[in-house]
Protein backbone atom coordinates (compact mmCIF):
# COMPACT_ATOMS: atom_id res chain seq x y z
CA MET A 1 19.66 -19.34 -2.80
CA PRO A 2 19.13 -16.34 0.46
CA THR A 3 20.25 -16.78 3.38
CA SER A 4 18.65 -16.59 6.83
CA VAL A 5 20.38 -13.64 7.29
CA GLU A 6 19.09 -11.95 3.36
CA LEU A 7 15.93 -13.27 4.40
CA ALA A 8 16.09 -11.26 7.40
CA ALA A 9 16.84 -8.92 5.21
CA MET A 10 14.14 -8.54 3.29
CA ARG A 11 11.79 -8.73 5.90
CA ARG A 12 12.93 -5.99 7.48
CA ALA A 13 12.43 -4.22 4.02
CA ILE A 14 9.13 -5.07 3.82
CA ILE A 15 8.62 -3.25 7.08
CA ILE A 16 10.62 -0.13 6.55
CA SER A 17 8.85 0.00 3.49
CA ALA A 18 5.37 0.33 4.81
CA SER A 19 6.40 3.56 6.57
CA GLY A 20 5.28 5.25 3.20
CA LEU A 21 1.76 4.64 3.05
CA GLY A 22 0.10 7.40 2.54
CA ALA A 23 2.49 9.60 1.25
CA THR A 24 4.28 8.37 -2.06
CA SER A 25 1.75 8.22 -4.24
CA PRO A 26 1.72 7.91 -7.50
CA ASN A 27 4.78 5.81 -6.44
CA PRO A 28 5.36 2.93 -4.77
CA ALA A 29 5.80 2.17 -0.74
CA VAL A 30 9.66 0.94 -1.16
CA GLY A 31 12.25 -0.50 1.29
CA CYS A 32 15.83 -1.16 1.00
CA VAL A 33 18.63 -2.64 3.31
CA ILE A 34 22.12 -2.67 2.78
CA LEU A 35 24.75 -5.50 3.77
CA ASP A 36 28.16 -5.09 4.10
CA ALA A 37 30.76 -8.22 2.15
CA THR A 38 30.38 -9.97 5.69
CA GLY A 39 26.72 -10.07 5.59
CA ARG A 40 26.01 -7.12 8.32
CA ALA A 41 23.46 -4.80 7.62
CA VAL A 42 25.07 -1.43 7.77
CA GLY A 43 22.26 1.28 5.68
CA GLU A 44 18.35 0.68 5.23
CA GLY A 45 15.97 3.36 3.93
CA TYR A 46 12.44 4.18 2.13
CA HIS A 47 11.31 6.24 -0.32
CA LEU A 48 9.37 8.63 1.49
CA ARG A 49 7.66 10.83 -1.53
CA LYS A 50 7.33 11.41 -5.32
CA GLY A 51 10.12 13.17 -5.97
CA ALA A 52 12.44 12.42 -3.02
CA ALA A 53 15.08 9.73 -3.17
CA HIS A 54 14.53 5.90 -3.92
CA ALA A 55 14.64 3.58 -0.89
CA GLU A 56 17.60 2.16 -2.69
CA VAL A 57 19.53 5.37 -2.77
CA ASN A 58 18.77 6.59 0.99
CA ALA A 59 20.03 3.12 1.97
CA LEU A 60 23.26 3.42 0.33
CA ALA A 61 23.56 6.66 1.84
CA ALA A 62 23.52 5.24 5.51
CA ALA A 63 25.95 2.87 4.26
CA GLY A 64 28.27 4.79 2.67
CA ALA A 65 31.38 3.08 1.65
CA ARG A 66 30.78 -0.08 3.58
CA ALA A 67 28.46 -0.99 0.69
CA ALA A 68 30.97 -1.62 -1.43
CA GLY A 69 31.43 -5.80 -1.92
CA GLY A 70 27.93 -6.12 -0.50
CA THR A 71 24.29 -6.88 -0.86
CA ALA A 72 21.34 -4.46 -1.73
CA VAL A 73 18.19 -6.18 -0.05
CA VAL A 74 14.97 -4.52 -1.59
CA THR A 75 11.03 -4.55 -2.25
CA LEU A 76 10.79 -3.65 -5.68
CA GLU A 77 12.80 -4.00 -8.83
CA PRO A 78 15.43 -0.66 -8.91
CA CYS A 79 14.26 1.30 -11.47
CA ASN A 80 16.49 1.55 -14.79
CA HIS A 81 15.05 4.90 -16.14
CA GLU A 82 15.90 8.89 -14.88
CA GLY A 83 12.80 10.90 -14.41
CA LEU A 84 12.78 13.34 -11.05
CA THR A 85 15.25 11.16 -9.35
CA PRO A 86 18.74 9.33 -11.15
CA ALA A 87 18.06 5.50 -12.16
CA CYS A 88 18.30 2.92 -8.71
CA HIS A 89 19.65 0.54 -11.19
CA GLN A 90 22.55 2.84 -11.58
CA ALA A 91 23.73 3.82 -7.53
CA LEU A 92 23.55 0.47 -6.92
CA LEU A 93 26.47 -0.04 -9.56
CA ASP A 94 28.77 3.09 -8.61
CA SER A 95 28.43 1.96 -4.78
CA LYS A 96 30.18 -1.14 -6.51
CA ILE A 97 27.18 -3.50 -4.85
CA ALA A 98 27.72 -6.75 -6.00
CA ARG A 99 24.95 -8.53 -4.99
CA VAL A 100 20.94 -7.61 -5.56
CA LEU A 101 18.03 -9.23 -4.05
CA ILE A 102 14.79 -8.03 -5.04
CA ALA A 103 11.29 -9.25 -3.93
CA VAL A 104 9.43 -7.71 -6.74
CA MET A 105 9.30 -6.96 -10.28
CA ASP A 106 8.92 -3.58 -11.14
CA PRO A 107 5.33 -3.82 -14.28
CA THR A 108 6.76 -0.01 -14.81
CA SER A 109 9.88 -0.29 -16.02
CA ARG A 110 11.07 0.66 -19.64
CA GLY A 111 12.88 -0.92 -22.05
CA ASP A 112 15.56 -3.64 -19.98
CA GLY A 113 14.50 -3.44 -16.01
CA GLY A 114 16.80 -3.11 -13.51
CA ALA A 115 17.48 -6.26 -12.38
CA VAL A 116 18.62 -6.91 -16.28
CA ARG A 117 20.87 -3.48 -16.02
CA LEU A 118 22.24 -5.11 -13.34
CA ARG A 119 23.53 -8.79 -14.63
CA GLN A 120 24.24 -7.19 -17.54
CA ALA A 121 26.69 -5.16 -15.58
CA GLY A 122 28.14 -8.02 -13.83
CA VAL A 123 26.13 -8.45 -10.18
CA ASP A 124 24.18 -11.26 -9.14
CA VAL A 125 21.16 -10.83 -9.59
CA GLN A 126 18.10 -12.65 -7.35
CA THR A 127 14.49 -12.14 -8.18
CA HIS A 128 11.20 -13.50 -6.51
CA VAL A 129 12.29 -12.81 -3.08
CA LEU A 130 9.68 -13.57 -0.48
CA GLU A 131 7.34 -11.96 -2.77
CA GLU A 132 4.22 -12.51 -1.34
CA GLU A 133 4.80 -10.84 1.46
CA ALA A 134 6.66 -8.03 0.03
CA LEU A 135 2.46 -8.17 -1.81
CA VAL A 136 1.40 -7.31 1.57
CA VAL A 137 2.38 -3.43 0.65
CA LEU A 138 3.19 -3.25 -2.97
CA GLY A 139 -0.35 -5.43 -3.27
CA PRO A 140 -2.44 -2.59 -3.47
CA TRP A 141 -0.20 -0.30 -5.34
CA ARG A 142 0.04 -3.29 -8.39
CA ALA A 143 -3.27 -3.80 -8.45
CA SER A 144 -3.95 0.19 -8.97
CA LEU A 145 -1.46 -0.23 -12.39
CA SER A 146 -3.65 -2.99 -13.29
CA HIS A 147 -7.22 -1.67 -12.59
CA GLN A 148 -5.86 2.03 -13.75
CA ARG A 149 -7.84 3.43 -10.32
CA PRO A 150 -7.26 3.58 -7.18
CA VAL A 151 -7.75 0.57 -4.81
CA LEU A 152 -11.07 2.09 -3.02
CA HIS A 153 -11.44 1.06 0.44
CA LEU A 154 -15.51 1.05 2.02
CA LEU A 155 -15.48 1.46 6.16
CA ILE A 156 -19.01 0.77 7.44
CA GLN A 157 -20.89 0.80 10.70
CA THR A 158 -23.76 -1.03 11.46
CA ASP A 159 -26.42 -1.74 14.43
CA ALA A 160 -27.40 -4.90 15.12
CA ALA A 161 -29.73 -6.01 12.61
CA GLY A 162 -27.15 -5.32 9.90
CA ASN A 163 -28.03 -1.79 8.85
CA ALA A 164 -25.53 1.21 7.60
CA THR A 165 -25.59 4.09 10.07
CA ALA A 166 -23.24 6.55 11.33
CA PRO A 167 -20.28 6.00 12.67
CA SER A 168 -19.58 5.31 16.56
CA ALA A 169 -16.89 6.20 18.61
CA GLU A 170 -15.44 2.92 17.68
CA ALA A 171 -15.42 3.47 14.06
CA LEU A 172 -14.30 6.92 14.04
CA ALA A 173 -10.82 5.56 16.16
CA GLU A 174 -11.27 2.86 13.36
CA ILE A 175 -11.21 5.39 10.23
CA GLU A 176 -7.82 7.29 12.16
CA LEU A 177 -6.22 4.15 12.19
CA GLN A 178 -6.99 3.04 8.70
CA ARG A 179 -6.48 6.54 7.37
CA HIS A 180 -2.74 6.57 7.57
CA ALA A 181 -2.16 4.08 4.95
CA HIS A 182 -4.88 6.00 2.23
CA ASP A 183 -3.84 8.70 0.07
CA LEU A 184 -7.41 9.83 0.18
CA VAL A 185 -10.04 9.28 2.42
CA ILE A 186 -13.88 10.79 1.41
CA SER A 187 -15.55 11.39 4.54
CA LEU A 188 -19.72 10.96 4.45
CA ASN A 189 -20.53 14.78 3.87
CA GLY A 190 -18.45 13.99 0.08
CA SER A 191 -15.09 15.72 1.56
CA THR A 192 -11.54 14.37 0.53
CA GLU A 193 -8.30 14.99 2.56
CA GLU A 194 -5.56 13.23 2.50
CA GLY A 195 -4.83 10.26 4.61
CA ARG A 196 -2.06 12.13 6.15
CA THR A 197 -2.18 15.85 5.87
CA GLY A 198 0.64 17.94 3.85
CA SER A 199 1.78 14.07 3.56
CA HIS A 200 2.57 14.02 -0.55
CA GLY A 201 3.85 17.33 -1.29
CA ARG A 202 3.63 19.23 -4.37
CA ARG A 203 3.37 16.82 -7.32
CA PHE A 204 0.12 14.89 -5.55
CA SER A 205 -3.49 17.46 -5.62
CA VAL A 206 -6.72 16.85 -3.64
CA PRO A 207 -9.53 17.43 -5.28
CA ALA A 208 -10.92 20.88 -4.86
CA HIS A 209 -14.32 19.91 -4.25
CA PRO A 210 -16.90 17.39 -2.74
CA VAL A 211 -16.36 13.82 -4.74
CA PRO A 212 -19.00 13.17 -7.38
CA ASP A 213 -21.33 10.95 -6.72
CA GLU A 214 -21.25 9.36 -10.41
CA PRO A 215 -19.29 6.87 -9.91
CA GLY A 216 -16.85 7.10 -12.77
CA ASP A 217 -16.95 10.81 -12.60
CA ALA A 218 -15.55 10.05 -8.54
CA VAL A 219 -12.89 7.87 -9.55
CA ALA A 220 -12.22 9.56 -12.06
CA ALA A 221 -11.35 13.07 -9.98
CA LEU A 222 -9.37 10.86 -7.95
CA THR A 223 -7.27 9.01 -10.34
CA GLU A 224 -6.66 12.41 -11.84
CA ALA A 225 -4.89 13.53 -7.80
CA GLY A 226 -2.68 10.58 -8.30
CA ALA A 227 -4.10 8.25 -5.55
CA ARG A 228 -3.59 4.62 -5.19
CA THR A 229 -5.65 4.26 -2.26
CA VAL A 230 -9.18 5.98 -0.92
CA LEU A 231 -10.85 4.95 2.25
CA LEU A 232 -14.99 5.67 1.96
CA VAL A 233 -16.35 6.10 4.74
CA GLY A 234 -20.30 5.07 4.42
CA PRO A 235 -23.07 4.71 4.36
CA SER A 236 -22.56 7.12 1.47
CA THR A 237 -24.59 6.80 -2.00
CA LEU A 238 -21.03 7.06 -3.77
CA GLY A 239 -20.09 3.98 -1.43
CA GLU A 240 -23.26 2.05 -2.70
CA ARG A 241 -22.88 2.42 -6.50
CA LEU A 242 -19.27 1.50 -6.04
CA LEU A 243 -20.02 -1.34 -4.55
CA SER A 244 -22.94 -2.20 -6.89
CA LYS A 245 -20.16 -2.24 -10.02
CA ALA A 246 -17.88 -4.35 -7.73
CA TRP A 247 -15.11 -1.60 -7.33
CA VAL A 248 -14.14 -1.19 -4.27
CA GLU A 249 -11.33 -4.33 -3.25
CA ARG A 250 -11.60 -3.80 0.25
CA LEU A 251 -14.55 -3.51 2.58
CA THR A 252 -14.60 -3.18 6.35
CA LEU A 253 -17.75 -3.49 8.46
CA LEU A 254 -17.96 -2.58 11.90
CA VAL A 255 -20.84 -5.12 13.82
CA PRO A 256 -21.90 -4.91 17.36
CA VAL A 257 -20.91 -7.88 19.80
CA PRO A 258 -23.80 -9.36 19.89
CA GLU A 259 -25.27 -11.50 23.30
CA PRO A 260 -23.24 -14.57 24.04
CA SER A 261 -26.92 -16.20 23.98
CA GLN A 262 -29.75 -14.91 22.04
CA ALA A 263 -32.65 -16.41 20.06
CA THR A 264 -33.08 -14.94 16.30
CA THR A 265 -36.40 -15.41 14.38
CA THR A 266 -35.51 -14.55 10.60
CA THR A 267 -32.40 -15.70 9.03
CA PRO A 268 -29.98 -12.87 8.45
CA ALA A 269 -29.48 -11.10 6.02
CA PRO A 270 -25.56 -12.20 4.80
CA LEU A 271 -23.17 -10.11 6.29
CA LEU A 272 -21.06 -9.18 3.02
CA PRO A 273 -21.84 -8.78 -0.83
CA ASP A 274 -21.62 -11.39 -3.22
CA GLY A 275 -17.69 -11.70 -4.42
CA TYR A 276 -16.08 -11.08 -0.95
CA VAL A 277 -14.37 -12.94 1.40
CA LEU A 278 -13.16 -12.36 4.76
CA SER A 279 -9.96 -11.68 5.77
CA ARG A 280 -9.28 -10.31 9.53
CA ILE A 281 -11.70 -10.82 12.35
CA THR A 282 -10.94 -8.79 15.22
CA ARG A 283 -12.30 -6.45 18.15
CA ALA A 284 -12.44 -2.88 19.19
CA GLY A 285 -14.46 -2.11 22.53
CA GLN A 286 -17.94 -2.92 21.97
CA GLN A 287 -17.52 -3.37 17.54
CA LEU A 288 -16.10 -6.48 16.00
CA VAL A 289 -14.32 -5.18 13.09
CA VAL A 290 -14.63 -7.82 9.63
CA SER A 291 -12.45 -7.33 7.14
CA ALA A 292 -13.18 -8.63 3.90
CA GLU A 293 -11.14 -8.82 -0.07
CA ARG A 294 -12.79 -8.78 -3.01
CA ARG A 295 -12.49 -11.90 -5.17
C-alpha cells in the first residue's frame, strides 16, 4: 500500500499537473514527483506542451542521480512508445527507479503499456493510486478521447428572470478566470482564440475563421485543431444548438443575487436543462456562479 509520504507526493503531482492545462493538448496534463530511496522528494515536473519533455523526464532531470533506487509518483501511466519525445518508461528504467506509483492508466497505450514494461524490468508498480483525485485534472482529456471531440463548456449570463443576456462585468471576470484552463475560447461573435495566447506552440492550430453555427461542422473544426477543452461564451446560436444535442459537458450560469425576501407570482422556469446536475455554487460580486455537469 502507498505510504502517507507517497500519497502526499501524488497529491503534489496532481496539483502541479494542472499547470499544463490549456497548453498540453492534444496531450494530457501530467505531473510527476520523484522520491529518493529514503522517501525524500528530490524532483518534480509537469508536461508543458506537446513536443516538450514529459512530466517524468522533467522530474528526473531535477532529481538527477538521487532518483536511483527511489520512487516515481506520476498522475498518468508512463508512455511506452517513442514519438516526439522518448518513451518515459525507458527514462525511468535508465534512472534506476525502483518503484512507480500511477494514478490513471493511459487509454492510448500501444500494445503493452508502460506499467507492464516497468514490471517486466523488475520495477515495483502500483496503479490506480488516488485515481479519482487525479481525474480532477485528467478527466476532461479522457472524456475527449472517449467522445472523439473536445469537452465543451458553455458559460452564460442570465438576468433575474432567467433570460440569457450579454456578459456583465462579473461574467467577463469569470471568463478571464476560466479561459486559462481551456485550449480554445469561442466568443459571442464566433471568433476563436487560445485560452492562453501562444501557449500550445506550433503543434496546435486555431480555426482561422469564425466557427460555424452548425454543431457538427463546429465540433469537427475544433477537433481538427487539436483541442481537448473549449469554452463557449453565450448566448449564441451555436451554444443553443450544442445544448440541444447534449454535447455540452459543463455549464456555468451567472445569476444575479436575489433580494433576501421577495414575492413571486409565477413558477420559475428550470434553471438547468434536463440532464444536468449542480456541481458547484459560489458568489462573485452581485452574481451567483452556478456550475453544472452533464450526468
